[in-house]
Amino acid sequence: MRVTIYEVGPRDGLQNESVTLPVEVKREFIRRLAEAGLTTIEATSFVHPKWVPQLADAAELLADMPREPGVRYPVLVPNERGLDRALEHGVTDIAIFGSATESFAQRNLNRTLESQFEMFAPVVERALAGGMRVRAYVSMCFGDPWEGPVAPEQVVRVGRRLLDLGCYQLSLGDTIGVGTPGHVDALLDAFEVAGVGPDRLAVHFHDTYGQALANTLAALRRGITVVDASTGGIGGCPYAKSATGNLATEDLVWMLDGLGVETGVDVRSLVATSRWLADLLGRPSPSRVVQALSKEA
């Protein structure tokens, strides 16, 4: 079995850090991730700098970003203005970011749950016409800080509509980290009933309650082969204050290595990168594997 790690550190990871890194450091971060064997690295976002100031240098980053053969560098695009900028910079892979709940759609997108699709439809249509691949994130798939538990059927309704727009993959986000393996099974059951198999799905877990690895293992046993993770476990969500760090890529790779699952990623190379990044951010990495291997060094 082989699992593809969708590395989100340079985008989802850095967007919630208080320390804004220089663009040359971000380029070096991305270069190191590719060197460690990651083949999908979400580089940045064209969200308005007012909302995510840490990624205000997206155009500058992409203008002179190292690109390795065989590595994809997707960019998050919130709307048509963001798509215009992505097209200007020769981006080949983009992601859109939807919500499974009304409350988060209004807070994060300034849209209703229904009207978010009106925003996404022209983005996806134009991107596909331009030869791009489009991925869709769905946030708040397991719980919402304003609405509480989220019904699997509600997530499926949103997810199906995003896939029907033409997105090749749907990433199911546990934005505030409240999910458990039982929740994962229930959600994947609901997608199966709706005719959406694991080949169209990815998972994106946060470790707020220490369940990210357990949830990932539950998803893998259901046939999921794409897992989002952030090197060093950095990141969160600037619009959901209860969200803590992403699943650490090192912790994921350590588990997958132990299971005999191929990733092509060198965990010790990632640990070295996380230690380097932690020094720049001024705080230790929350990744347990980074902490453990750093003690050995």
Protein backbone atom coordinates (compact mmCIF):
# COMPACT_ATOMS: atom_id res chain seq x y z
CA MET A 1 0.00 0.00 0.00
CA ARG A 2 1.13 3.53 -0.72
CA VAL A 3 -0.16 6.73 0.87
CA THR A 4 0.23 10.19 -0.62
CA ILE A 5 0.92 12.89 1.95
CA TYR A 6 -0.60 16.24 1.00
CA GLU A 7 1.77 18.58 2.82
CA VAL A 8 0.05 21.76 4.01
CA GLY A 9 2.76 23.27 6.21
CA PRO A 10 3.73 26.22 4.01
CA ARG A 11 0.08 27.28 3.70
CA ASP A 12 -2.22 25.93 6.41
CA GLY A 13 0.68 25.63 8.80
CA LEU A 14 2.19 29.08 8.50
CA GLN A 15 -1.09 30.97 8.11
CA ASN A 16 -1.83 30.73 11.82
CA GLU A 17 1.66 31.44 13.14
CA SER A 18 2.27 34.73 14.91
CA VAL A 19 5.77 35.04 13.44
CA THR A 20 5.76 36.06 9.78
CA LEU A 21 8.69 34.46 8.00
CA PRO A 22 10.62 36.18 5.18
CA VAL A 23 9.81 34.94 1.70
CA GLU A 24 13.29 33.48 1.22
CA VAL A 25 12.78 31.34 4.33
CA LYS A 26 9.48 30.08 2.94
CA ARG A 27 11.21 29.13 -0.32
CA GLU A 28 13.84 27.24 1.63
CA PHE A 29 11.12 25.50 3.66
CA ILE A 30 9.43 24.31 0.48
CA ARG A 31 12.74 23.21 -1.02
CA ARG A 32 13.54 21.13 2.07
CA LEU A 33 10.11 19.49 2.01
CA ALA A 34 10.61 18.37 -1.57
CA GLU A 35 14.10 17.15 -0.74
CA ALA A 36 12.62 15.00 2.04
CA GLY A 37 10.46 13.21 -0.53
CA LEU A 38 7.11 14.99 -0.34
CA THR A 39 5.48 15.14 -3.76
CA THR A 40 2.50 17.42 -3.01
CA ILE A 41 3.32 20.64 -1.19
CA GLU A 42 0.64 23.31 -0.80
CA ALA A 43 2.76 26.39 -1.28
CA THR A 44 0.63 29.37 -0.34
CA SER A 45 -2.75 31.06 -0.68
CA PHE A 46 -4.21 33.95 -2.65
CA VAL A 47 -6.53 34.90 0.20
CA HIS A 48 -6.62 38.68 0.70
CA PRO A 49 -3.67 39.80 2.87
CA LYS A 50 -6.09 41.56 5.21
CA TRP A 51 -7.39 38.17 6.34
CA VAL A 52 -4.17 36.15 6.24
CA PRO A 53 -1.25 38.61 6.44
CA GLN A 54 1.28 35.81 6.85
CA LEU A 55 0.71 34.83 3.20
CA ALA A 56 0.67 38.33 1.74
CA ASP A 57 3.86 37.48 -0.18
CA ALA A 58 2.21 34.73 -2.27
CA ALA A 59 2.99 36.35 -5.63
CA GLU A 60 6.59 37.04 -4.65
CA LEU A 61 7.01 33.48 -3.38
CA LEU A 62 5.68 31.89 -6.56
CA ALA A 63 7.72 34.15 -8.82
CA ASP A 64 10.97 32.55 -7.70
CA MET A 65 9.98 29.32 -5.95
CA PRO A 66 12.13 26.20 -6.39
CA ARG A 67 10.22 23.50 -8.26
CA GLU A 68 11.35 19.90 -8.34
CA PRO A 69 10.35 17.55 -11.18
CA GLY A 70 7.45 15.32 -10.18
CA VAL A 71 6.35 17.58 -7.31
CA ARG A 72 3.03 19.42 -7.34
CA TYR A 73 2.70 22.81 -5.66
CA PRO A 74 -1.03 23.59 -5.24
CA VAL A 75 -2.25 26.99 -4.11
CA LEU A 76 -5.42 27.82 -2.16
CA VAL A 77 -7.73 30.07 -4.18
CA PRO A 78 -10.76 31.62 -2.43
CA ASN A 79 -12.51 33.29 -5.36
CA GLU A 80 -12.15 34.49 -8.96
CA ARG A 81 -9.73 37.26 -8.00
CA GLY A 82 -7.50 34.65 -6.43
CA LEU A 83 -7.83 32.49 -9.53
CA ASP A 84 -6.76 35.39 -11.74
CA ARG A 85 -3.58 35.71 -9.71
CA ALA A 86 -2.96 31.96 -9.81
CA LEU A 87 -3.32 31.96 -13.60
CA GLU A 88 -0.89 34.87 -13.86
CA HIS A 89 1.74 32.86 -12.00
CA GLY A 90 1.38 29.63 -13.94
CA VAL A 91 -0.18 27.63 -11.11
CA THR A 92 -1.35 24.18 -12.28
CA ASP A 93 -3.10 22.95 -9.12
CA ILE A 94 -5.51 24.90 -6.94
CA ALA A 95 -7.74 24.20 -3.96
CA ILE A 96 -11.00 25.80 -2.89
CA PHE A 97 -12.14 25.87 0.73
CA GLY A 98 -15.79 25.24 1.56
CA SER A 99 -17.74 24.81 4.77
CA ALA A 100 -20.06 22.04 5.94
CA THR A 101 -21.88 24.43 8.30
CA GLU A 102 -23.80 27.67 8.02
CA SER A 103 -21.95 29.38 10.88
CA PHE A 104 -18.47 28.75 9.55
CA ALA A 105 -19.48 29.64 5.99
CA GLN A 106 -20.58 33.05 7.23
CA ARG A 107 -17.51 33.62 9.41
CA ASN A 108 -14.88 32.25 7.06
CA LEU A 109 -16.33 32.98 3.62
CA ASN A 110 -18.79 35.77 4.37
CA ARG A 111 -21.32 33.61 2.56
CA THR A 112 -24.28 31.44 3.45
CA LEU A 113 -23.93 27.69 3.21
CA GLU A 114 -25.89 27.80 -0.04
CA SER A 115 -24.30 30.85 -1.65
CA GLN A 116 -20.75 29.50 -1.22
CA PHE A 117 -21.38 27.33 -4.27
CA GLU A 118 -22.21 30.42 -6.35
CA MET A 119 -18.72 31.69 -5.51
CA PHE A 120 -16.97 28.40 -6.23
CA ALA A 121 -18.73 27.45 -9.50
CA PRO A 122 -17.05 30.02 -11.79
CA VAL A 123 -13.69 29.44 -10.11
CA VAL A 124 -13.80 25.72 -10.80
CA GLU A 125 -15.20 26.16 -14.31
CA ARG A 126 -12.49 28.63 -15.34
CA ALA A 127 -9.74 26.63 -13.66
CA LEU A 128 -10.73 23.43 -15.45
CA ALA A 129 -10.95 25.30 -18.74
CA GLY A 130 -7.39 26.51 -18.09
CA GLY A 131 -6.14 22.96 -17.60
CA MET A 132 -5.84 23.16 -13.81
CA ARG A 133 -6.61 20.43 -11.30
CA VAL A 134 -9.00 21.56 -8.58
CA ARG A 135 -9.23 20.11 -5.10
CA ALA A 136 -11.91 20.99 -2.55
CA TYR A 137 -11.57 21.24 1.20
CA VAL A 138 -14.63 20.91 3.40
CA SER A 139 -14.18 22.30 6.89
CA MET A 140 -16.11 21.46 10.09
CA CYS A 141 -16.88 17.91 8.95
CA PHE A 142 -17.13 16.50 12.47
CA GLY A 143 -17.98 19.42 14.70
CA ASP A 144 -18.46 23.18 14.66
CA PRO A 145 -17.67 25.47 17.63
CA TRP A 146 -20.94 27.38 17.10
CA GLU A 147 -23.26 24.58 16.00
CA GLY A 148 -21.86 21.52 17.78
CA PRO A 149 -21.79 18.05 16.16
CA VAL A 150 -22.27 18.00 12.39
CA ALA A 151 -24.44 15.30 10.79
CA PRO A 152 -22.58 13.14 8.25
CA GLU A 153 -25.43 13.62 5.77
CA GLN A 154 -24.90 17.38 5.87
CA VAL A 155 -21.19 16.95 5.06
CA VAL A 156 -22.08 14.60 2.22
CA ARG A 157 -24.53 17.10 0.71
CA VAL A 158 -21.85 19.79 0.65
CA GLY A 159 -19.14 17.41 -0.51
CA ARG A 160 -21.17 15.97 -3.37
CA ARG A 161 -21.92 19.43 -4.70
CA LEU A 162 -18.24 20.35 -4.70
CA LEU A 163 -17.31 17.14 -6.49
CA ASP A 164 -20.12 17.71 -8.99
CA LEU A 165 -18.58 21.09 -9.84
CA GLY A 166 -15.58 19.19 -11.17
CA CYS A 167 -13.19 18.90 -8.23
CA TYR A 168 -11.07 15.78 -8.50
CA GLN A 169 -10.73 15.27 -4.75
CA LEU A 170 -12.50 16.20 -1.52
CA SER A 171 -10.49 16.72 1.66
CA LEU A 172 -12.60 16.13 4.78
CA GLY A 173 -11.47 18.49 7.53
CA ASP A 174 -11.82 17.99 11.27
CA THR A 175 -11.15 21.69 11.75
CA ILE A 176 -11.46 21.77 15.54
CA GLY A 177 -10.18 18.26 16.14
CA VAL A 178 -13.23 16.76 17.85
CA GLY A 179 -13.58 13.68 15.64
CA THR A 180 -12.95 10.10 16.73
CA PRO A 181 -12.49 6.88 14.73
CA GLY A 182 -16.21 6.18 15.19
CA HIS A 183 -17.03 9.53 13.60
CA VAL A 184 -14.67 8.75 10.73
CA ASP A 185 -16.42 5.45 10.03
CA ALA A 186 -19.84 7.10 10.16
CA LEU A 187 -18.82 9.83 7.72
CA LEU A 188 -17.19 7.43 5.26
CA ASP A 189 -20.27 5.20 5.51
CA ALA A 190 -22.43 8.16 4.54
CA PHE A 191 -20.24 8.97 1.55
CA GLU A 192 -20.30 5.33 0.46
CA VAL A 193 -24.09 5.31 0.55
CA ALA A 194 -24.02 8.47 -1.59
CA GLY A 195 -21.81 6.76 -4.16
CA VAL A 196 -18.55 8.53 -3.29
CA GLY A 197 -15.71 6.07 -2.75
CA PRO A 198 -12.40 6.53 -0.93
CA ASP A 199 -10.59 7.19 -4.22
CA ARG A 200 -12.25 10.64 -4.34
CA LEU A 201 -11.60 11.48 -0.68
CA ALA A 202 -8.73 12.68 1.50
CA VAL A 203 -8.63 13.38 5.24
CA HIS A 204 -7.38 16.42 7.16
CA PHE A 205 -7.21 15.98 10.92
CA HIS A 206 -6.29 18.36 13.73
CA ASP A 207 -4.93 16.99 16.98
CA THR A 208 -6.89 19.05 19.52
CA TYR A 209 -8.01 15.96 21.46
CA GLY A 210 -5.09 13.73 20.50
CA GLN A 211 -7.15 11.77 17.96
CA ALA A 212 -5.47 12.72 14.67
CA LEU A 213 -3.39 9.55 14.23
CA ALA A 214 -6.19 7.26 15.40
CA ASN A 215 -8.57 8.96 12.99
CA THR A 216 -6.06 8.63 10.18
CA LEU A 217 -5.63 4.92 10.82
CA ALA A 218 -9.41 4.48 10.77
CA ALA A 219 -9.54 6.26 7.41
CA LEU A 220 -6.70 4.17 5.97
CA ARG A 221 -8.52 0.99 6.92
CA ARG A 222 -11.48 2.27 4.91
CA GLY A 223 -9.33 2.70 1.79
CA ILE A 224 -8.31 6.37 2.05
CA THR A 225 -4.86 6.86 0.50
CA VAL A 226 -4.39 10.66 0.66
CA VAL A 227 -3.71 12.28 4.04
CA ASP A 228 -3.14 15.98 4.73
CA ALA A 229 -0.44 16.81 7.25
CA SER A 230 1.79 19.69 8.30
CA THR A 231 5.50 19.33 8.96
CA GLY A 232 6.18 19.91 12.64
CA GLY A 233 2.45 19.95 13.40
CA ILE A 234 2.29 23.70 12.85
CA GLY A 235 -0.91 25.55 12.06
CA GLY A 236 -4.54 25.71 12.97
CA CYS A 237 -7.35 27.87 11.70
CA PRO A 238 -7.42 31.66 12.12
CA TYR A 239 -11.24 31.65 12.01
CA ALA A 240 -11.80 28.88 14.58
CA LYS A 241 -9.97 29.71 17.80
CA SER A 242 -10.49 26.24 19.26
CA ALA A 243 -8.51 24.66 16.41
CA THR A 244 -5.00 23.58 17.36
CA GLY A 245 -2.22 22.20 15.23
CA ASN A 246 -2.52 19.95 12.23
CA LEU A 247 -1.50 16.32 12.25
CA ALA A 248 2.32 16.43 12.20
CA THR A 249 3.80 14.95 9.04
CA GLU A 250 6.60 13.31 11.04
CA ASP A 251 4.11 11.56 13.34
CA LEU A 252 2.17 10.36 10.30
CA VAL A 253 5.27 9.07 8.49
CA TRP A 254 6.50 7.29 11.63
CA MET A 255 3.18 5.46 11.94
CA LEU A 256 3.04 4.60 8.24
CA ASP A 257 6.63 3.36 8.25
CA GLY A 258 5.71 1.07 11.14
CA LEU A 259 2.76 -0.27 9.17
CA GLY A 260 4.93 -0.96 6.12
CA VAL A 261 3.03 1.67 4.11
CA GLU A 262 5.09 3.46 1.47
CA THR A 263 5.25 7.27 1.39
CA GLY A 264 8.64 8.01 -0.15
CA VAL A 265 9.30 10.44 2.70
CA ASP A 266 12.42 10.47 4.90
CA VAL A 267 11.22 11.15 8.45
CA ARG A 268 14.64 12.19 9.77
CA SER A 269 15.02 14.76 7.03
CA LEU A 270 11.63 16.18 8.01
CA VAL A 271 12.63 16.27 11.67
CA ALA A 272 15.72 18.30 10.79
CA THR A 273 13.52 20.73 8.85
CA SER A 274 11.05 21.02 11.72
CA ARG A 275 13.82 21.78 14.20
CA TRP A 276 15.15 24.46 11.85
CA LEU A 277 11.66 25.92 11.44
CA ALA A 278 10.91 25.80 15.18
CA ASP A 279 14.00 27.91 15.86
CA LEU A 280 12.76 30.50 13.37
CA LEU A 281 9.25 30.50 14.86
CA GLY A 282 10.63 30.78 18.37
CA ARG A 283 8.83 27.78 19.83
CA PRO A 284 9.33 24.01 20.00
CA SER A 285 7.58 21.72 17.55
CA PRO A 286 4.47 20.01 18.99
CA SER A 287 5.27 16.85 16.98
CA ARG A 288 6.01 13.94 19.31
CA VAL A 289 8.33 12.34 16.75
CA VAL A 290 10.28 15.58 16.35
CA GLN A 291 10.62 15.79 20.12
CA ALA A 292 11.71 12.16 20.46
CA LEU A 293 14.25 12.16 17.65
CA SER A 294 15.62 15.52 18.71
CA LYS A 295 16.53 13.99 22.08
CA GLU A 296 18.50 11.30 20.26
CA ALA A 297 20.46 13.85 18.24
